[in-house]
PDB file of N, CA and C in Angstrom:
ATOM      1  N   MET A   1       0.830  -1.169   0.000  1.00  0.00           N
ATOM      2  CA  MET A   1       0.000   0.000   0.000  1.00  0.00           C
ATOM      3  C   MET A   1       0.886   1.248   0.000  1.00  0.00           C
ATOM      4  N   LEU A   2       0.506   2.234  -0.798  1.00  0.00           N
ATOM      5  CA  LEU A   2       1.255   3.482  -0.901  1.00  0.00           C
ATOM      6  C   LEU A   2       1.017   4.330   0.340  1.00  0.00           C
ATOM      7  N   GLN A   3       2.084   4.715   0.997  1.00  0.00           N
ATOM      8  CA  GLN A   3       1.970   5.579   2.161  1.00  0.00           C
ATOM      9  C   GLN A   3       2.453   6.961   1.788  1.00  0.00           C
ATOM     10  N   MET A   4       1.700   7.958   2.179  1.00  0.00           N
ATOM     11  CA  MET A   4       2.064   9.342   1.885  1.00  0.00           C
ATOM     12  C   MET A   4       2.246  10.084   3.196  1.00  0.00           C
ATOM     13  N   SER A   5       3.145  11.035   3.204  1.00  0.00           N
ATOM     14  CA  SER A   5       3.348  11.856   4.385  1.00  0.00           C
ATOM     15  C   SER A   5       3.836  13.225   3.948  1.00  0.00           C
ATOM     16  N   PHE A   6       3.883  14.131   4.884  1.00  0.00           N
ATOM     17  CA  PHE A   6       4.367  15.471   4.624  1.00  0.00           C
ATOM     18  C   PHE A   6       5.808  15.588   5.093  1.00  0.00           C
ATOM     19  N   TYR A   7       6.538  16.520   4.518  1.00  0.00           N
ATOM     20  CA  TYR A   7       7.886  16.798   4.993  1.00  0.00           C
ATOM     21  C   TYR A   7       7.797  17.483   6.346  1.00  0.00           C
ATOM     22  N   GLY A   8       8.845  17.329   7.144  1.00  0.00           N
ATOM     23  CA  GLY A   8       8.859  17.904   8.481  1.00  0.00           C
ATOM     24  C   GLY A   8       9.599  19.223   8.534  1.00  0.00           C
ATOM     25  N   VAL A   9       9.586  19.804   9.706  1.00  0.00           N
ATOM     26  CA  VAL A   9      10.246  21.082   9.942  1.00  0.00           C
ATOM     27  C   VAL A   9      11.741  20.980   9.626  1.00  0.00           C
ATOM     28  N   GLU A  10      12.342  19.842   9.935  1.00  0.00           N
ATOM     29  CA  GLU A  10      13.780  19.668   9.685  1.00  0.00           C
ATOM     30  C   GLU A  10      14.098  19.767   8.198  1.00  0.00           C
ATOM     31  N   GLU A  11      13.286  19.110   7.373  1.00  0.00           N
ATOM     32  CA  GLU A  11      13.535  19.154   5.924  1.00  0.00           C
ATOM     33  C   GLU A  11      13.376  20.578   5.383  1.00  0.00           C
ATOM     34  N   TYR A  12      12.321  21.260   5.796  1.00  0.00           N
ATOM     35  CA  TYR A  12      12.117  22.631   5.337  1.00  0.00           C
ATOM     36  C   TYR A  12      13.247  23.545   5.808  1.00  0.00           C
ATOM     37  N   SER A  13      13.715  23.362   7.033  1.00  0.00           N
ATOM     38  CA  SER A  13      14.831  24.170   7.536  1.00  0.00           C
ATOM     39  C   SER A  13      16.077  23.955   6.694  1.00  0.00           C
ATOM     40  N   ASP A  14      16.384  22.700   6.387  1.00  0.00           N
ATOM     41  CA  ASP A  14      17.547  22.393   5.555  1.00  0.00           C
ATOM     42  C   ASP A  14      17.425  23.023   4.176  1.00  0.00           C
ATOM     43  N   TRP A  15      16.247  22.932   3.574  1.00  0.00           N
ATOM     44  CA  TRP A  15      16.042  23.517   2.237  1.00  0.00           C
ATOM     45  C   TRP A  15      16.237  25.025   2.257  1.00  0.00           C
ATOM     46  N   LEU A  16      15.737  25.680   3.313  1.00  0.00           N
ATOM     47  CA  LEU A  16      15.906  27.124   3.408  1.00  0.00           C
ATOM     48  C   LEU A  16      17.377  27.503   3.532  1.00  0.00           C
ATOM     49  N   VAL A  17      18.107  26.791   4.366  1.00  0.00           N
ATOM     50  CA  VAL A  17      19.536  27.068   4.538  1.00  0.00           C
ATOM     51  C   VAL A  17      20.274  26.815   3.223  1.00  0.00           C
ATOM     52  N   ASN A  18      19.963  25.711   2.537  1.00  0.00           N
ATOM     53  CA  ASN A  18      20.619  25.399   1.258  1.00  0.00           C
ATOM     54  C   ASN A  18      20.295  26.418   0.184  1.00  0.00           C
ATOM     55  N   ALA A  19      19.162  27.104   0.316  1.00  0.00           N
ATOM     56  CA  ALA A  19      18.773  28.131  -0.651  1.00  0.00           C
ATOM     57  C   ALA A  19      19.340  29.502  -0.293  1.00  0.00           C
ATOM     58  N   GLY A  20      20.107  29.564   0.794  1.00  0.00           N
ATOM     59  CA  GLY A  20      20.752  30.813   1.165  1.00  0.00           C
ATOM     60  C   GLY A  20      20.011  31.633   2.205  1.00  0.00           C
ATOM     61  N   PHE A  21      18.946  31.101   2.756  1.00  0.00           N
ATOM     62  CA  PHE A  21      18.211  31.815   3.801  1.00  0.00           C
ATOM     63  C   PHE A  21      18.791  31.487   5.169  1.00  0.00           C
ATOM     64  N   ASN A  22      18.517  32.340   6.130  1.00  0.00           N
ATOM     65  CA  ASN A  22      18.926  32.118   7.514  1.00  0.00           C
ATOM     66  C   ASN A  22      17.653  32.120   8.365  1.00  0.00           C
ATOM     67  N   PRO A  23      16.943  30.994   8.384  1.00  0.00           N
ATOM     68  CA  PRO A  23      15.654  30.990   9.091  1.00  0.00           C
ATOM     69  C   PRO A  23      15.818  31.137  10.601  1.00  0.00           C
ATOM     70  N   LEU A  24      15.041  32.037  11.169  1.00  0.00           N
ATOM     71  CA  LEU A  24      15.048  32.211  12.618  1.00  0.00           C
ATOM     72  C   LEU A  24      14.138  31.194  13.288  1.00  0.00           C
ATOM     73  N   ARG A  25      13.052  30.841  12.603  1.00  0.00           N
ATOM     74  CA  ARG A  25      12.111  29.881  13.156  1.00  0.00           C
ATOM     75  C   ARG A  25      11.347  29.236  11.993  1.00  0.00           C
ATOM     76  N   VAL A  26      11.215  27.939  12.042  1.00  0.00           N
ATOM     77  CA  VAL A  26      10.418  27.197  11.064  1.00  0.00           C
ATOM     78  C   VAL A  26       9.442  26.345  11.861  1.00  0.00           C
ATOM     79  N   GLU A  27       8.166  26.498  11.576  1.00  0.00           N
ATOM     80  CA  GLU A  27       7.154  25.746  12.312  1.00  0.00           C
ATOM     81  C   GLU A  27       5.922  25.549  11.442  1.00  0.00           C
ATOM     82  N   PHE A  28       5.111  24.585  11.804  1.00  0.00           N
ATOM     83  CA  PHE A  28       3.838  24.365  11.147  1.00  0.00           C
ATOM     84  C   PHE A  28       2.757  25.103  11.919  1.00  0.00           C
ATOM     85  N   VAL A  29       1.827  25.644  11.202  1.00  0.00           N
ATOM     86  CA  VAL A  29       0.702  26.343  11.816  1.00  0.00           C
ATOM     87  C   VAL A  29      -0.552  25.532  11.529  1.00  0.00           C
ATOM     88  N   LYS A  30      -1.275  25.168  12.577  1.00  0.00           N
ATOM     89  CA  LYS A  30      -2.506  24.398  12.399  1.00  0.00           C
ATOM     90  C   LYS A  30      -3.546  25.264  11.705  1.00  0.00           C
ATOM     91  N   LYS A  31      -4.290  24.637  10.808  1.00  0.00           N
ATOM     92  CA  LYS A  31      -5.322  25.345  10.071  1.00  0.00           C
ATOM     93  C   LYS A  31      -6.559  24.471  10.001  1.00  0.00           C
ATOM     94  N   ASN A  32      -7.696  25.058  10.241  1.00  0.00           N
ATOM     95  CA  ASN A  32      -8.955  24.346  10.123  1.00  0.00           C
ATOM     96  C   ASN A  32      -9.263  24.158   8.639  1.00  0.00           C
ATOM     97  N   MET A  33      -9.332  22.925   8.193  1.00  0.00           N
ATOM     98  CA  MET A  33      -9.567  22.633   6.775  1.00  0.00           C
ATOM     99  C   MET A  33     -11.026  22.298   6.514  1.00  0.00           C
ATOM    100  N   LYS A  34     -11.914  23.050   7.110  1.00  0.00           N
ATOM    101  CA  LYS A  34     -13.340  22.836   6.902  1.00  0.00           C
ATOM    102  C   LYS A  34     -13.739  23.460   5.568  1.00  0.00           C
ATOM    103  N   HIS A  35     -14.372  22.665   4.722  1.00  0.00           N
ATOM    104  CA  HIS A  35     -14.755  23.126   3.392  1.00  0.00           C
ATOM    105  C   HIS A  35     -16.268  23.189   3.267  1.00  0.00           C
ATOM    106  N   ASP A  36     -16.729  23.927   2.275  1.00  0.00           N
ATOM    107  CA  ASP A  36     -18.151  24.089   2.021  1.00  0.00           C
ATOM    108  C   ASP A  36     -18.678  22.872   1.257  1.00  0.00           C
ATOM    109  N   GLY A  37     -18.806  21.756   1.961  1.00  0.00           N
ATOM    110  CA  GLY A  37     -19.329  20.535   1.353  1.00  0.00           C
ATOM    111  C   GLY A  37     -18.376  19.929   0.338  1.00  0.00           C
ATOM    112  N   LYS A  38     -18.907  19.008  -0.459  1.00  0.00           N
ATOM    113  CA  LYS A  38     -18.086  18.327  -1.471  1.00  0.00           C
ATOM    114  C   LYS A  38     -17.567  19.293  -2.525  1.00  0.00           C
ATOM    115  N   GLU A  39     -18.392  20.272  -2.904  1.00  0.00           N
ATOM    116  CA  GLU A  39     -17.957  21.242  -3.914  1.00  0.00           C
ATOM    117  C   GLU A  39     -16.799  22.103  -3.400  1.00  0.00           C
ATOM    118  N   GLY A  40     -16.858  22.477  -2.138  1.00  0.00           N
ATOM    119  CA  GLY A  40     -15.756  23.248  -1.562  1.00  0.00           C
ATOM    120  C   GLY A  40     -14.471  22.453  -1.511  1.00  0.00           C
ATOM    121  N   LEU A  41     -14.582  21.180  -1.133  1.00  0.00           N
ATOM    122  CA  LEU A  41     -13.407  20.316  -1.123  1.00  0.00           C
ATOM    123  C   LEU A  41     -12.875  20.122  -2.545  1.00  0.00           C
ATOM    124  N   ASN A  42     -13.777  19.970  -3.494  1.00  0.00           N
ATOM    125  CA  ASN A  42     -13.388  19.803  -4.890  1.00  0.00           C
ATOM    126  C   ASN A  42     -12.658  21.046  -5.407  1.00  0.00           C
ATOM    127  N   ARG A  43     -13.136  22.239  -5.058  1.00  0.00           N
ATOM    128  CA  ARG A  43     -12.460  23.474  -5.484  1.00  0.00           C
ATOM    129  C   ARG A  43     -11.075  23.576  -4.856  1.00  0.00           C
ATOM    130  N   TRP A  44     -10.971  23.228  -3.570  1.00  0.00           N
ATOM    131  CA  TRP A  44      -9.660  23.276  -2.904  1.00  0.00           C
ATOM    132  C   TRP A  44      -8.693  22.297  -3.555  1.00  0.00           C
ATOM    133  N   PHE A  45      -9.161  21.083  -3.812  1.00  0.00           N
ATOM    134  CA  PHE A  45      -8.306  20.076  -4.443  1.00  0.00           C
ATOM    135  C   PHE A  45      -7.869  20.534  -5.824  1.00  0.00           C
ATOM    136  N   GLY A  46      -8.793  21.103  -6.589  1.00  0.00           N
ATOM    137  CA  GLY A  46      -8.467  21.559  -7.935  1.00  0.00           C
ATOM    138  C   GLY A  46      -7.469  22.695  -7.957  1.00  0.00           C
ATOM    139  N   SER A  47      -7.523  23.575  -6.976  1.00  0.00           N
ATOM    140  CA  SER A  47      -6.598  24.715  -6.969  1.00  0.00           C
ATOM    141  C   SER A  47      -5.279  24.398  -6.280  1.00  0.00           C
ATOM    142  N   THR A  48      -5.260  23.374  -5.431  1.00  0.00           N
ATOM    143  CA  THR A  48      -4.062  23.079  -4.649  1.00  0.00           C
ATOM    144  C   THR A  48      -3.251  21.925  -5.220  1.00  0.00           C
ATOM    145  N   TRP A  49      -3.892  20.806  -5.537  1.00  0.00           N
ATOM    146  CA  TRP A  49      -3.174  19.604  -5.927  1.00  0.00           C
ATOM    147  C   TRP A  49      -3.123  19.364  -7.426  1.00  0.00           C
ATOM    148  N   LEU A  50      -4.177  19.690  -8.148  1.00  0.00           N
ATOM    149  CA  LEU A  50      -4.188  19.368  -9.572  1.00  0.00           C
ATOM    150  C   LEU A  50      -3.071  20.039 -10.367  1.00  0.00           C
ATOM    151  N   PRO A  51      -2.654  21.272 -10.031  1.00  0.00           N
ATOM    152  CA  PRO A  51      -1.512  21.825 -10.763  1.00  0.00           C
ATOM    153  C   PRO A  51      -0.249  20.957 -10.656  1.00  0.00           C
ATOM    154  N   PHE A  52      -0.064  20.285  -9.530  1.00  0.00           N
ATOM    155  CA  PHE A  52       1.093  19.408  -9.366  1.00  0.00           C
ATOM    156  C   PHE A  52       0.877  18.073 -10.055  1.00  0.00           C
ATOM    157  N   LEU A  53      -0.331  17.562  -9.974  1.00  0.00           N
ATOM    158  CA  LEU A  53      -0.609  16.256 -10.573  1.00  0.00           C
ATOM    159  C   LEU A  53      -0.687  16.316 -12.093  1.00  0.00           C
ATOM    160  N   SER A  54      -0.918  17.497 -12.645  1.00  0.00           N
ATOM    161  CA  SER A  54      -1.048  17.603 -14.090  1.00  0.00           C
ATOM    162  C   SER A  54       0.151  18.297 -14.721  1.00  0.00           C
ATOM    163  N   CYS A  55       1.305  18.244 -14.063  1.00  0.00           N
ATOM    164  CA  CYS A  55       2.497  18.881 -14.612  1.00  0.00           C
ATOM    165  C   CYS A  55       2.941  18.150 -15.873  1.00  0.00           C
ATOM    166  N   PRO A  56       3.634  18.838 -16.774  1.00  0.00           N
ATOM    167  CA  PRO A  56       4.084  18.181 -18.009  1.00  0.00           C
ATOM    168  C   PRO A  56       4.961  16.970 -17.705  1.00  0.00           C
ATOM    169  N   GLN A  57       4.693  15.914 -18.419  1.00  0.00           N
ATOM    170  CA  GLN A  57       5.468  14.694 -18.240  1.00  0.00           C
ATOM    171  C   GLN A  57       6.070  14.293 -19.580  1.00  0.00           C
ATOM    172  N   ASP A  58       7.302  13.902 -19.542  1.00  0.00           N
ATOM    173  CA  ASP A  58       7.995  13.494 -20.758  1.00  0.00           C
ATOM    174  C   ASP A  58       7.674  12.037 -21.035  1.00  0.00           C
ATOM    175  N   ASN A  59       7.155  11.762 -22.221  1.00  0.00           N
ATOM    176  CA  ASN A  59       6.867  10.366 -22.553  1.00  0.00           C
ATOM    177  C   ASN A  59       8.024   9.773 -23.358  1.00  0.00           C
ATOM    178  N   HIS A  60       7.892   8.574 -23.810  1.00  0.00           N
ATOM    179  CA  HIS A  60       8.982   7.880 -24.487  1.00  0.00           C
ATOM    180  C   HIS A  60       9.187   8.333 -25.928  1.00  0.00           C
ATOM    181  N   PHE A  61       8.319   9.211 -26.428  1.00  0.00           N
ATOM    182  CA  PHE A  61       8.438   9.660 -27.815  1.00  0.00           C
ATOM    183  C   PHE A  61       9.055  11.040 -27.923  1.00  0.00           C
ATOM    184  N   GLY A  62       9.559  11.571 -26.809  1.00  0.00           N
ATOM    185  CA  GLY A  62      10.227  12.857 -26.838  1.00  0.00           C
ATOM    186  C   GLY A  62       9.272  14.045 -26.803  1.00  0.00           C
ATOM    187  N   ARG A  63       7.990  13.793 -26.610  1.00  0.00           N
ATOM    188  CA  ARG A  63       7.008  14.875 -26.519  1.00  0.00           C
ATOM    189  C   ARG A  63       6.657  15.101 -25.055  1.00  0.00           C
ATOM    190  N   THR A  64       6.209  16.284 -24.780  1.00  0.00           N
ATOM    191  CA  THR A  64       5.749  16.588 -23.430  1.00  0.00           C
ATOM    192  C   THR A  64       4.232  16.691 -23.476  1.00  0.00           C
ATOM    193  N   GLU A  65       3.561  15.972 -22.593  1.00  0.00           N
ATOM    194  CA  GLU A  65       2.108  15.974 -22.557  1.00  0.00           C
ATOM    195  C   GLU A  65       1.630  16.353 -21.171  1.00  0.00           C
ATOM    196  N   ILE A  66       0.468  16.924 -21.121  1.00  0.00           N
ATOM    197  CA  ILE A  66      -0.174  17.239 -19.854  1.00  0.00           C
ATOM    198  C   ILE A  66      -1.120  16.084 -19.536  1.00  0.00           C
ATOM    199  N   GLY A  67      -1.035  15.550 -18.339  1.00  0.00           N
ATOM    200  CA  GLY A  67      -1.932  14.465 -17.987  1.00  0.00           C
ATOM    201  C   GLY A  67      -1.825  14.114 -16.522  1.00  0.00           C
ATOM    202  N   TYR A  68      -2.807  13.398 -16.053  1.00  0.00           N
ATOM    203  CA  TYR A  68      -2.811  12.959 -14.664  1.00  0.00           C
ATOM    204  C   TYR A  68      -2.051  11.655 -14.548  1.00  0.00           C
ATOM    205  N   TRP A  69      -1.517  11.390 -13.355  1.00  0.00           N
ATOM    206  CA  TRP A  69      -0.761  10.161 -13.124  1.00  0.00           C
ATOM    207  C   TRP A  69      -1.677   9.005 -13.000  1.00  0.00           C
TER     208      TRP A  69
END
C-alpha cells in the first residue's frame, strides 16, 4: 500500500539554509480545513493539488504531454 506523508520542519529548515536563507524559526501552523461541502473540497483540491498532478510529463516519444498520473 502506498503511504504518503508530509515533509517535516527539519527538511524545510535544511532547504531554506541550502537556498541561502537564515531561518530564525520554522514551524507548522494548524489550520482548520473545513470546506463548504463536497464542492468546496473539490475546489480546494483543484486549486491546490491538480496543478502538481497535471504537470508536463515526458513520454517515451520525446514529446511533453499534460496528464494525470
